[in-house]
PDB file of all heavy atoms in Angstrom:
ATOM      1  N   LEU A   1     -16.964   1.385   7.570  1.00  0.00           N
ATOM      2  CA  LEU A   1     -16.926   1.783   6.214  1.00  0.00           C
ATOM      3  C   LEU A   1     -15.767   2.739   5.936  1.00  0.00           C
ATOM      4  O   LEU A   1     -15.141   2.654   4.865  1.00  0.00           O
ATOM      5  CB  LEU A   1     -18.171   2.407   5.826  1.00  0.00           C
ATOM      6  CG  LEU A   1     -19.513   1.519   5.952  1.00  0.00           C
ATOM      7  CD1 LEU A   1     -20.730   2.266   5.571  1.00  0.00           C
ATOM      8  CD2 LEU A   1     -19.382   0.282   5.069  1.00  0.00           C
ATOM      9  N   MET A   2     -15.500   3.648   6.839  1.00  0.00           N
ATOM     10  CA  MET A   2     -14.371   4.556   6.717  1.00  0.00           C
ATOM     11  C   MET A   2     -13.022   3.744   6.685  1.00  0.00           C
ATOM     12  O   MET A   2     -12.131   4.052   5.844  1.00  0.00           O
ATOM     13  CB  MET A   2     -14.334   5.541   7.919  1.00  0.00           C
ATOM     14  CG  MET A   2     -13.141   6.563   7.765  1.00  0.00           C
ATOM     15  SD  MET A   2     -13.088   7.653   9.246  1.00  0.00           S
ATOM     16  CE  MET A   2     -12.530   6.563  10.499  1.00  0.00           C
ATOM     17  N   VAL A   3     -12.913   2.833   7.541  1.00  0.00           N
ATOM     18  CA  VAL A   3     -11.644   1.949   7.539  1.00  0.00           C
ATOM     19  C   VAL A   3     -11.507   1.253   6.216  1.00  0.00           C
ATOM     20  O   VAL A   3     -10.415   1.174   5.660  1.00  0.00           O
ATOM     21  CB  VAL A   3     -11.676   1.011   8.747  1.00  0.00           C
ATOM     22  CG1 VAL A   3     -10.483   0.065   8.652  1.00  0.00           C
ATOM     23  CG2 VAL A   3     -11.633   1.753  10.033  1.00  0.00           C
ATOM     24  N   LEU A   4     -12.606   0.706   5.652  1.00  0.00           N
ATOM     25  CA  LEU A   4     -12.559   0.021   4.407  1.00  0.00           C
ATOM     26  C   LEU A   4     -12.076   0.949   3.291  1.00  0.00           C
ATOM     27  O   LEU A   4     -11.276   0.610   2.435  1.00  0.00           O
ATOM     28  CB  LEU A   4     -13.904  -0.573   4.040  1.00  0.00           C
ATOM     29  CG  LEU A   4     -14.346  -1.791   4.777  1.00  0.00           C
ATOM     30  CD1 LEU A   4     -15.756  -2.209   4.467  1.00  0.00           C
ATOM     31  CD2 LEU A   4     -13.401  -3.015   4.412  1.00  0.00           C
ATOM     32  N   VAL A   5     -12.574   2.180   3.306  1.00  0.00           N
ATOM     33  CA  VAL A   5     -12.226   3.139   2.190  1.00  0.00           C
ATOM     34  C   VAL A   5     -10.758   3.477   2.265  1.00  0.00           C
ATOM     35  O   VAL A   5      -9.954   3.429   1.296  1.00  0.00           O
ATOM     36  CB  VAL A   5     -13.080   4.383   2.339  1.00  0.00           C
ATOM     37  CG1 VAL A   5     -12.510   5.494   1.348  1.00  0.00           C
ATOM     38  CG2 VAL A   5     -14.547   4.096   1.914  1.00  0.00           C
ATOM     39  N   PHE A   6     -10.274   3.759   3.492  1.00  0.00           N
ATOM     40  CA  PHE A   6      -8.836   4.101   3.552  1.00  0.00           C
ATOM     41  C   PHE A   6      -7.930   2.854   3.356  1.00  0.00           C
ATOM     42  O   PHE A   6      -6.851   2.996   2.806  1.00  0.00           O
ATOM     43  CB  PHE A   6      -8.519   4.717   5.003  1.00  0.00           C
ATOM     44  CG  PHE A   6      -8.836   6.158   5.041  1.00  0.00           C
ATOM     45  CD1 PHE A   6     -10.054   6.613   5.560  1.00  0.00           C
ATOM     46  CD2 PHE A   6      -7.946   7.092   4.582  1.00  0.00           C
ATOM     47  CE1 PHE A   6     -10.397   7.986   5.644  1.00  0.00           C
ATOM     48  CE2 PHE A   6      -8.242   8.463   4.670  1.00  0.00           C
ATOM     49  CZ  PHE A   6      -9.437   8.922   5.156  1.00  0.00           C
ATOM     50  N   GLY A   7      -8.386   1.721   3.740  1.00  0.00           N
ATOM     51  CA  GLY A   7      -7.690   0.508   3.402  1.00  0.00           C
ATOM     52  C   GLY A   7      -7.603   0.222   1.917  1.00  0.00           C
ATOM     53  O   GLY A   7      -6.505  -0.152   1.428  1.00  0.00           O
ATOM     54  N   SER A   8      -8.620   0.427   1.220  1.00  0.00           N
ATOM     55  CA  SER A   8      -8.656   0.247  -0.238  1.00  0.00           C
ATOM     56  C   SER A   8      -7.696   1.257  -0.930  1.00  0.00           C
ATOM     57  O   SER A   8      -6.879   0.810  -1.811  1.00  0.00           O
ATOM     58  CB  SER A   8     -10.136   0.515  -0.823  1.00  0.00           C
ATOM     59  OG  SER A   8     -10.962  -0.373  -0.244  1.00  0.00           O
ATOM     60  N   ILE A   9      -7.735   2.510  -0.561  1.00  0.00           N
ATOM     61  CA  ILE A   9      -6.871   3.472  -1.171  1.00  0.00           C
ATOM     62  C   ILE A   9      -5.391   3.152  -0.849  1.00  0.00           C
ATOM     63  O   ILE A   9      -4.550   3.242  -1.753  1.00  0.00           O
ATOM     64  CB  ILE A   9      -7.230   4.919  -0.684  1.00  0.00           C
ATOM     65  CG1 ILE A   9      -8.660   5.269  -1.102  1.00  0.00           C
ATOM     66  CG2 ILE A   9      -6.243   5.931  -1.114  1.00  0.00           C
ATOM     67  CD1 ILE A   9      -9.206   6.542  -0.494  1.00  0.00           C
ATOM     68  N   SER A  10      -5.084   2.857   0.323  1.00  0.00           N
ATOM     69  CA  SER A  10      -3.720   2.557   0.750  1.00  0.00           C
ATOM     70  C   SER A  10      -3.194   1.335   0.040  1.00  0.00           C
ATOM     71  O   SER A  10      -2.023   1.338  -0.405  1.00  0.00           O
ATOM     72  CB  SER A  10      -3.562   2.328   2.293  1.00  0.00           C
ATOM     73  OG  SER A  10      -3.928   3.535   2.959  1.00  0.00           O
ATOM     74  N   SER A  11      -4.032   0.307  -0.104  1.00  0.00           N
ATOM     75  CA  SER A  11      -3.462  -0.918  -0.754  1.00  0.00           C
ATOM     76  C   SER A  11      -3.199  -0.726  -2.199  1.00  0.00           C
ATOM     77  O   SER A  11      -2.144  -1.167  -2.716  1.00  0.00           O
ATOM     78  CB  SER A  11      -4.581  -2.074  -0.546  1.00  0.00           C
ATOM     79  OG  SER A  11      -5.755  -1.701  -1.215  1.00  0.00           O
ATOM     80  N   VAL A  12      -4.100  -0.011  -2.955  1.00  0.00           N
ATOM     81  CA  VAL A  12      -3.833   0.155  -4.373  1.00  0.00           C
ATOM     82  C   VAL A  12      -2.728   1.180  -4.612  1.00  0.00           C
ATOM     83  O   VAL A  12      -1.806   0.869  -5.387  1.00  0.00           O
ATOM     84  CB  VAL A  12      -5.152   0.616  -5.046  1.00  0.00           C
ATOM     85  CG1 VAL A  12      -4.888   0.982  -6.540  1.00  0.00           C
ATOM     86  CG2 VAL A  12      -6.267  -0.441  -4.980  1.00  0.00           C
ATOM     87  N   LEU A  13      -2.817   2.331  -3.934  1.00  0.00           N
ATOM     88  CA  LEU A  13      -1.695   3.341  -4.239  1.00  0.00           C
ATOM     89  C   LEU A  13      -0.364   2.878  -3.754  1.00  0.00           C
ATOM     90  O   LEU A  13       0.638   3.248  -4.300  1.00  0.00           O
ATOM     91  CB  LEU A  13      -2.147   4.673  -3.660  1.00  0.00           C
ATOM     92  CG  LEU A  13      -3.316   5.404  -4.265  1.00  0.00           C
ATOM     93  CD1 LEU A  13      -3.557   6.746  -3.677  1.00  0.00           C
ATOM     94  CD2 LEU A  13      -3.230   5.522  -5.760  1.00  0.00           C
ATOM     95  N   GLY A  14      -0.364   2.149  -2.633  1.00  0.00           N
ATOM     96  CA  GLY A  14       0.965   1.695  -2.150  1.00  0.00           C
ATOM     97  C   GLY A  14       1.689   0.838  -3.216  1.00  0.00           C
ATOM     98  O   GLY A  14       2.860   1.011  -3.397  1.00  0.00           O
ATOM     99  N   VAL A  15       0.964  -0.124  -3.787  1.00  0.00           N
ATOM    100  CA  VAL A  15       1.642  -0.915  -4.792  1.00  0.00           C
ATOM    101  C   VAL A  15       1.875  -0.166  -6.062  1.00  0.00           C
ATOM    102  O   VAL A  15       2.905  -0.421  -6.785  1.00  0.00           O
ATOM    103  CB  VAL A  15       0.816  -2.181  -5.037  1.00  0.00           C
ATOM    104  CG1 VAL A  15      -0.444  -1.959  -5.791  1.00  0.00           C
ATOM    105  CG2 VAL A  15       1.652  -3.291  -5.780  1.00  0.00           C
ATOM    106  N   VAL A  16       1.078   0.797  -6.437  1.00  0.00           N
ATOM    107  CA  VAL A  16       1.332   1.634  -7.649  1.00  0.00           C
ATOM    108  C   VAL A  16       2.629   2.425  -7.443  1.00  0.00           C
ATOM    109  O   VAL A  16       3.504   2.465  -8.360  1.00  0.00           O
ATOM    110  CB  VAL A  16       0.148   2.560  -7.871  1.00  0.00           C
ATOM    111  CG1 VAL A  16       0.485   3.640  -8.962  1.00  0.00           C
ATOM    112  CG2 VAL A  16      -1.102   1.788  -8.389  1.00  0.00           C
ATOM    113  N   TYR A  17       2.776   3.042  -6.268  1.00  0.00           N
ATOM    114  CA  TYR A  17       4.038   3.763  -6.017  1.00  0.00           C
ATOM    115  C   TYR A  17       5.225   2.799  -6.073  1.00  0.00           C
ATOM    116  O   TYR A  17       6.305   3.207  -6.594  1.00  0.00           O
ATOM    117  CB  TYR A  17       3.974   4.382  -4.672  1.00  0.00           C
ATOM    118  CG  TYR A  17       3.059   5.561  -4.537  1.00  0.00           C
ATOM    119  CD1 TYR A  17       2.324   5.758  -3.372  1.00  0.00           C
ATOM    120  CD2 TYR A  17       2.891   6.485  -5.568  1.00  0.00           C
ATOM    121  CE1 TYR A  17       1.429   6.873  -3.279  1.00  0.00           C
ATOM    122  CE2 TYR A  17       1.958   7.554  -5.479  1.00  0.00           C
ATOM    123  CZ  TYR A  17       1.294   7.733  -4.287  1.00  0.00           C
ATOM    124  OH  TYR A  17       0.387   8.766  -4.155  1.00  0.00           O
ATOM    125  N   ALA A  18       5.055   1.557  -5.598  1.00  0.00           N
ATOM    126  CA  ALA A  18       6.190   0.674  -5.582  1.00  0.00           C
ATOM    127  C   ALA A  18       6.599   0.261  -6.982  1.00  0.00           C
ATOM    128  O   ALA A  18       7.821  -0.029  -7.183  1.00  0.00           O
ATOM    129  CB  ALA A  18       5.732  -0.638  -4.793  1.00  0.00           C
ATOM    130  N   LEU A  19       5.714   0.186  -7.953  1.00  0.00           N
ATOM    131  CA  LEU A  19       5.999  -0.195  -9.240  1.00  0.00           C
ATOM    132  C   LEU A  19       7.037   0.809  -9.910  1.00  0.00           C
ATOM    133  O   LEU A  19       7.730   0.323 -10.844  1.00  0.00           O
ATOM    134  CB  LEU A  19       4.741  -0.256 -10.126  1.00  0.00           C
ATOM    135  CG  LEU A  19       3.908  -1.529 -10.060  1.00  0.00           C
ATOM    136  CD1 LEU A  19       2.517  -1.323 -10.655  1.00  0.00           C
ATOM    137  CD2 LEU A  19       4.673  -2.675 -10.717  1.00  0.00           C
ATOM    138  N   HIS A  20       7.063   1.945  -9.499  1.00  0.00           N
ATOM    139  CA  HIS A  20       7.937   2.991 -10.161  1.00  0.00           C
ATOM    140  C   HIS A  20       9.275   3.019  -9.465  1.00  0.00           C
ATOM    141  O   HIS A  20      10.162   3.791  -9.903  1.00  0.00           O
ATOM    142  CB  HIS A  20       7.275   4.359 -10.052  1.00  0.00           C
ATOM    143  CG  HIS A  20       6.000   4.492 -10.846  1.00  0.00           C
ATOM    144  ND1 HIS A  20       6.002   4.597 -12.205  1.00  0.00           N
ATOM    145  CD2 HIS A  20       4.720   4.458 -10.443  1.00  0.00           C
ATOM    146  CE1 HIS A  20       4.754   4.668 -12.640  1.00  0.00           C
ATOM    147  NE2 HIS A  20       3.916   4.561 -11.565  1.00  0.00           N
ATOM    148  N   GLU A  21       9.564   2.245  -8.437  1.00  0.00           N
ATOM    149  CA  GLU A  21      10.782   2.343  -7.717  1.00  0.00           C
ATOM    150  C   GLU A  21      11.941   1.434  -8.206  1.00  0.00           C
ATOM    151  O   GLU A  21      11.691   0.347  -8.655  1.00  0.00           O
ATOM    152  CB  GLU A  21      10.589   1.954  -6.194  1.00  0.00           C
ATOM    153  CG  GLU A  21       9.956   3.094  -5.414  1.00  0.00           C
ATOM    154  CD  GLU A  21      10.940   4.303  -5.264  1.00  0.00           C
ATOM    155  OE1 GLU A  21      12.101   4.164  -5.386  1.00  0.00           O
ATOM    156  OE2 GLU A  21      10.386   5.442  -5.095  1.00  0.00           O
ATOM    157  N   HIS A  22      13.117   1.951  -8.218  1.00  0.00           N
ATOM    158  CA  HIS A  22      14.298   1.158  -8.562  1.00  0.00           C
ATOM    159  C   HIS A  22      15.193   0.882  -7.257  1.00  0.00           C
ATOM    160  O   HIS A  22      16.018   0.047  -7.339  1.00  0.00           O
ATOM    161  CB  HIS A  22      15.130   1.816  -9.573  1.00  0.00           C
ATOM    162  CG  HIS A  22      14.429   2.070 -10.888  1.00  0.00           C
ATOM    163  ND1 HIS A  22      14.101   1.013 -11.726  1.00  0.00           N
ATOM    164  CD2 HIS A  22      13.883   3.201 -11.473  1.00  0.00           C
ATOM    165  CE1 HIS A  22      13.443   1.460 -12.794  1.00  0.00           C
ATOM    166  NE2 HIS A  22      13.256   2.788 -12.654  1.00  0.00           N
ATOM    167  N   ASP A  23      14.906   1.684  -6.271  1.00  0.00           N
ATOM    168  CA  ASP A  23      15.565   1.425  -4.925  1.00  0.00           C
ATOM    169  C   ASP A  23      14.855   0.293  -4.304  1.00  0.00           C
ATOM    170  O   ASP A  23      13.663   0.398  -3.931  1.00  0.00           O
ATOM    171  CB  ASP A  23      15.544   2.722  -4.142  1.00  0.00           C
ATOM    172  CG  ASP A  23      16.228   2.623  -2.767  1.00  0.00           C
ATOM    173  OD1 ASP A  23      16.097   1.580  -2.135  1.00  0.00           O
ATOM    174  OD2 ASP A  23      16.889   3.630  -2.380  1.00  0.00           O
ATOM    175  N   ILE A  24      15.530  -0.779  -4.002  1.00  0.00           N
ATOM    176  CA  ILE A  24      14.811  -1.955  -3.460  1.00  0.00           C
ATOM    177  C   ILE A  24      14.222  -1.766  -2.121  1.00  0.00           C
ATOM    178  O   ILE A  24      13.194  -2.306  -1.791  1.00  0.00           O
ATOM    179  CB  ILE A  24      15.809  -3.204  -3.504  1.00  0.00           C
ATOM    180  CG1 ILE A  24      14.998  -4.542  -3.294  1.00  0.00           C
ATOM    181  CG2 ILE A  24      16.936  -3.033  -2.520  1.00  0.00           C
ATOM    182  CD1 ILE A  24      15.726  -5.740  -3.632  1.00  0.00           C
ATOM    183  N   LYS A  25      14.901  -0.979  -1.222  1.00  0.00           N
ATOM    184  CA  LYS A  25      14.325  -0.737   0.119  1.00  0.00           C
ATOM    185  C   LYS A  25      13.125   0.170   0.011  1.00  0.00           C
ATOM    186  O   LYS A  25      12.182   0.001   0.781  1.00  0.00           O
ATOM    187  CB  LYS A  25      15.407  -0.270   1.067  1.00  0.00           C
ATOM    188  CG  LYS A  25      16.435  -1.311   1.395  1.00  0.00           C
ATOM    189  CD  LYS A  25      17.469  -0.807   2.438  1.00  0.00           C
ATOM    190  CE  LYS A  25      16.867  -0.669   3.811  1.00  0.00           C
ATOM    191  NZ  LYS A  25      17.862  -0.306   4.860  1.00  0.00           N
ATOM    192  N   ARG A  26      13.191   1.143  -0.811  1.00  0.00           N
ATOM    193  CA  ARG A  26      11.996   2.035  -1.007  1.00  0.00           C
ATOM    194  C   ARG A  26      10.782   1.264  -1.583  1.00  0.00           C
ATOM    195  O   ARG A  26       9.677   1.489  -1.167  1.00  0.00           O
ATOM    196  CB  ARG A  26      12.345   3.237  -1.861  1.00  0.00           C
ATOM    197  CG  ARG A  26      13.157   4.357  -1.151  1.00  0.00           C
ATOM    198  CD  ARG A  26      13.551   5.376  -2.059  1.00  0.00           C
ATOM    199  NE  ARG A  26      12.445   6.069  -2.701  1.00  0.00           N
ATOM    200  CZ  ARG A  26      11.771   7.145  -2.231  1.00  0.00           C
ATOM    201  NH1 ARG A  26      12.225   7.628  -1.029  1.00  0.00           N
ATOM    202  NH2 ARG A  26      10.807   7.684  -2.820  1.00  0.00           N
ATOM    203  N   LEU A  27      11.126   0.343  -2.538  1.00  0.00           N
ATOM    204  CA  LEU A  27      10.100  -0.508  -3.084  1.00  0.00           C
ATOM    205  C   LEU A  27       9.353  -1.252  -1.980  1.00  0.00           C
ATOM    206  O   LEU A  27       8.186  -1.340  -1.891  1.00  0.00           O
ATOM    207  CB  LEU A  27      10.696  -1.384  -4.153  1.00  0.00           C
ATOM    208  CG  LEU A  27       9.747  -2.423  -4.868  1.00  0.00           C
ATOM    209  CD1 LEU A  27      10.210  -2.588  -6.277  1.00  0.00           C
ATOM    210  CD2 LEU A  27       9.772  -3.753  -4.104  1.00  0.00           C
ATOM    211  N   LEU A  28      10.174  -1.853  -1.064  1.00  0.00           N
ATOM    212  CA  LEU A  28       9.669  -2.674   0.011  1.00  0.00           C
ATOM    213  C   LEU A  28       8.889  -1.786   0.981  1.00  0.00           C
ATOM    214  O   LEU A  28       7.838  -2.186   1.555  1.00  0.00           O
ATOM    215  CB  LEU A  28      10.758  -3.415   0.753  1.00  0.00           C
ATOM    216  CG  LEU A  28      11.468  -4.546  -0.044  1.00  0.00           C
ATOM    217  CD1 LEU A  28      12.602  -5.121   0.727  1.00  0.00           C
ATOM    218  CD2 LEU A  28      10.544  -5.604  -0.445  1.00  0.00           C
ATOM    219  N   ALA A  29       9.285  -0.546   1.227  1.00  0.00           N
ATOM    220  CA  ALA A  29       8.591   0.364   2.116  1.00  0.00           C
ATOM    221  C   ALA A  29       7.209   0.698   1.549  1.00  0.00           C
ATOM    222  O   ALA A  29       6.228   0.751   2.310  1.00  0.00           O
ATOM    223  CB  ALA A  29       9.422   1.623   2.291  1.00  0.00           C
ATOM    224  N   TYR A  30       7.087   0.931   0.238  1.00  0.00           N
ATOM    225  CA  TYR A  30       5.794   1.204  -0.396  1.00  0.00           C
ATOM    226  C   TYR A  30       4.915  -0.001  -0.240  1.00  0.00           C
ATOM    227  O   TYR A  30       3.704   0.113  -0.150  1.00  0.00           O
ATOM    228  CB  TYR A  30       5.949   1.624  -1.817  1.00  0.00           C
ATOM    229  CG  TYR A  30       6.257   3.085  -1.976  1.00  0.00           C
ATOM    230  CD1 TYR A  30       7.394   3.529  -2.635  1.00  0.00           C
ATOM    231  CD2 TYR A  30       5.381   4.080  -1.541  1.00  0.00           C
ATOM    232  CE1 TYR A  30       7.648   4.881  -2.821  1.00  0.00           C
ATOM    233  CE2 TYR A  30       5.554   5.379  -1.656  1.00  0.00           C
ATOM    234  CZ  TYR A  30       6.756   5.782  -2.290  1.00  0.00           C
ATOM    235  OH  TYR A  30       6.944   7.161  -2.506  1.00  0.00           O
ATOM    236  N   HIS A  31       5.476  -1.246  -0.338  1.00  0.00           N
ATOM    237  CA  HIS A  31       4.662  -2.425  -0.183  1.00  0.00           C
ATOM    238  C   HIS A  31       4.134  -2.571   1.272  1.00  0.00           C
ATOM    239  O   HIS A  31       3.127  -3.274   1.486  1.00  0.00           O
ATOM    240  CB  HIS A  31       5.479  -3.668  -0.600  1.00  0.00           C
ATOM    241  CG  HIS A  31       5.359  -3.920  -2.025  1.00  0.00           C
ATOM    242  ND1 HIS A  31       4.195  -4.421  -2.633  1.00  0.00           N
ATOM    243  CD2 HIS A  31       6.287  -3.723  -3.069  1.00  0.00           C
ATOM    244  CE1 HIS A  31       4.485  -4.531  -3.961  1.00  0.00           C
ATOM    245  NE2 HIS A  31       5.647  -4.142  -4.219  1.00  0.00           N
ATOM    246  N   SER A  32       4.859  -1.898   2.213  1.00  0.00           N
ATOM    247  CA  SER A  32       4.287  -1.894   3.547  1.00  0.00           C
ATOM    248  C   SER A  32       3.001  -1.058   3.675  1.00  0.00           C
ATOM    249  O   SER A  32       2.073  -1.439   4.345  1.00  0.00           O
ATOM    250  CB  SER A  32       5.346  -1.314   4.511  1.00  0.00           C
ATOM    251  OG  SER A  32       6.421  -2.257   4.679  1.00  0.00           O
ATOM    252  N   VAL A  33       2.985   0.087   2.839  1.00  0.00           N
ATOM    253  CA  VAL A  33       1.801   0.852   2.767  1.00  0.00           C
ATOM    254  C   VAL A  33       0.657   0.014   2.189  1.00  0.00           C
ATOM    255  O   VAL A  33      -0.477  -0.007   2.715  1.00  0.00           O
ATOM    256  CB  VAL A  33       2.020   2.076   1.937  1.00  0.00           C
ATOM    257  CG1 VAL A  33       0.747   2.898   1.778  1.00  0.00           C
ATOM    258  CG2 VAL A  33       3.119   2.959   2.546  1.00  0.00           C
ATOM    259  N   GLU A  34       0.996  -0.747   1.136  1.00  0.00           N
ATOM    260  CA  GLU A  34       0.018  -1.681   0.462  1.00  0.00           C
ATOM    261  C   GLU A  34      -0.524  -2.670   1.456  1.00  0.00           C
ATOM    262  O   GLU A  34      -1.760  -2.837   1.590  1.00  0.00           O
ATOM    263  CB  GLU A  34       0.679  -2.359  -0.707  1.00  0.00           C
ATOM    264  CG  GLU A  34      -0.157  -3.475  -1.322  1.00  0.00           C
ATOM    265  CD  GLU A  34       0.685  -4.703  -1.637  1.00  0.00           C
ATOM    266  OE1 GLU A  34       1.927  -4.589  -1.847  1.00  0.00           O
ATOM    267  OE2 GLU A  34       0.119  -5.856  -1.704  1.00  0.00           O
ATOM    268  N   ASN A  35       0.335  -3.317   2.236  1.00  0.00           N
ATOM    269  CA  ASN A  35      -0.106  -4.371   3.129  1.00  0.00           C
ATOM    270  C   ASN A  35      -0.831  -3.876   4.339  1.00  0.00           C
ATOM    271  O   ASN A  35      -1.721  -4.575   4.837  1.00  0.00           O
ATOM    272  CB  ASN A  35       1.038  -5.313   3.501  1.00  0.00           C
ATOM    273  CG  ASN A  35       1.351  -6.252   2.397  1.00  0.00           C
ATOM    274  OD1 ASN A  35       0.813  -7.322   2.340  1.00  0.00           O
ATOM    275  ND2 ASN A  35       2.303  -5.962   1.506  1.00  0.00           N
ATOM    276  N   ILE A  36      -0.491  -2.659   4.821  1.00  0.00           N
ATOM    277  CA  ILE A  36      -1.317  -2.100   5.873  1.00  0.00           C
ATOM    278  C   ILE A  36      -2.692  -1.834   5.368  1.00  0.00           C
ATOM    279  O   ILE A  36      -3.688  -2.011   6.087  1.00  0.00           O
ATOM    280  CB  ILE A  36      -0.673  -0.714   6.302  1.00  0.00           C
ATOM    281  CG1 ILE A  36       0.606  -1.053   7.185  1.00  0.00           C
ATOM    282  CG2 ILE A  36      -1.639   0.101   7.110  1.00  0.00           C
ATOM    283  CD1 ILE A  36       0.343  -1.802   8.541  1.00  0.00           C
ATOM    284  N   GLY A  37      -2.821  -1.470   4.099  1.00  0.00           N
ATOM    285  CA  GLY A  37      -4.096  -1.347   3.493  1.00  0.00           C
ATOM    286  C   GLY A  37      -4.870  -2.587   3.476  1.00  0.00           C
ATOM    287  O   GLY A  37      -6.132  -2.625   3.787  1.00  0.00           O
ATOM    288  N   ILE A  38      -4.276  -3.712   3.137  1.00  0.00           N
ATOM    289  CA  ILE A  38      -4.869  -5.020   3.138  1.00  0.00           C
ATOM    290  C   ILE A  38      -5.408  -5.361   4.553  1.00  0.00           C
ATOM    291  O   ILE A  38      -6.465  -5.928   4.714  1.00  0.00           O
ATOM    292  CB  ILE A  38      -3.965  -6.101   2.573  1.00  0.00           C
ATOM    293  CG1 ILE A  38      -3.708  -5.781   1.045  1.00  0.00           C
ATOM    294  CG2 ILE A  38      -4.528  -7.462   2.731  1.00  0.00           C
ATOM    295  CD1 ILE A  38      -2.608  -6.694   0.443  1.00  0.00           C
ATOM    296  N   ILE A  39      -4.532  -5.150   5.504  1.00  0.00           N
ATOM    297  CA  ILE A  39      -4.950  -5.451   6.894  1.00  0.00           C
ATOM    298  C   ILE A  39      -6.141  -4.689   7.354  1.00  0.00           C
ATOM    299  O   ILE A  39      -7.117  -5.195   7.943  1.00  0.00           O
ATOM    300  CB  ILE A  39      -3.726  -5.218   7.843  1.00  0.00           C
ATOM    301  CG1 ILE A  39      -2.584  -6.202   7.584  1.00  0.00           C
ATOM    302  CG2 ILE A  39      -4.199  -5.330   9.351  1.00  0.00           C
ATOM    303  CD1 ILE A  39      -1.295  -5.820   8.229  1.00  0.00           C
ATOM    304  N   LEU A  40      -6.189  -3.372   6.889  1.00  0.00           N
ATOM    305  CA  LEU A  40      -7.292  -2.529   7.246  1.00  0.00           C
ATOM    306  C   LEU A  40      -8.599  -2.969   6.524  1.00  0.00           C
ATOM    307  O   LEU A  40      -9.658  -2.776   7.138  1.00  0.00           O
ATOM    308  CB  LEU A  40      -6.966  -1.061   6.865  1.00  0.00           C
ATOM    309  CG  LEU A  40      -6.004  -0.299   7.717  1.00  0.00           C
ATOM    310  CD1 LEU A  40      -5.725   1.090   7.203  1.00  0.00           C
ATOM    311  CD2 LEU A  40      -6.500  -0.268   9.225  1.00  0.00           C
ATOM    312  N   LEU A  41      -8.468  -3.707   5.416  1.00  0.00           N
ATOM    313  CA  LEU A  41      -9.672  -4.205   4.840  1.00  0.00           C
ATOM    314  C   LEU A  41     -10.330  -5.257   5.727  1.00  0.00           C
ATOM    315  O   LEU A  41     -11.590  -5.280   5.902  1.00  0.00           O
ATOM    316  CB  LEU A  41      -9.339  -4.795   3.486  1.00  0.00           C
ATOM    317  CG  LEU A  41      -8.890  -3.909   2.334  1.00  0.00           C
ATOM    318  CD1 LEU A  41      -8.555  -4.620   1.065  1.00  0.00           C
ATOM    319  CD2 LEU A  41      -9.865  -2.747   2.085  1.00  0.00           C
ATOM    320  N   GLY A  42      -9.494  -6.103   6.332  1.00  0.00           N
ATOM    321  CA  GLY A  42     -10.013  -7.042   7.293  1.00  0.00           C
ATOM    322  C   GLY A  42     -10.593  -6.353   8.543  1.00  0.00           C
ATOM    323  O   GLY A  42     -11.660  -6.727   9.082  1.00  0.00           O
TER     324      GLY A  42
END
């Protein structure tokens, strides 16, 4: 359950941070936070 909670938070906030980026490499880095969250959901 703890892993699910941290995975949920990381996936949503990671992509939210990415939406505000204009630097393409920083945008992709924030999407790594998002996808780590998705993996943690599994």
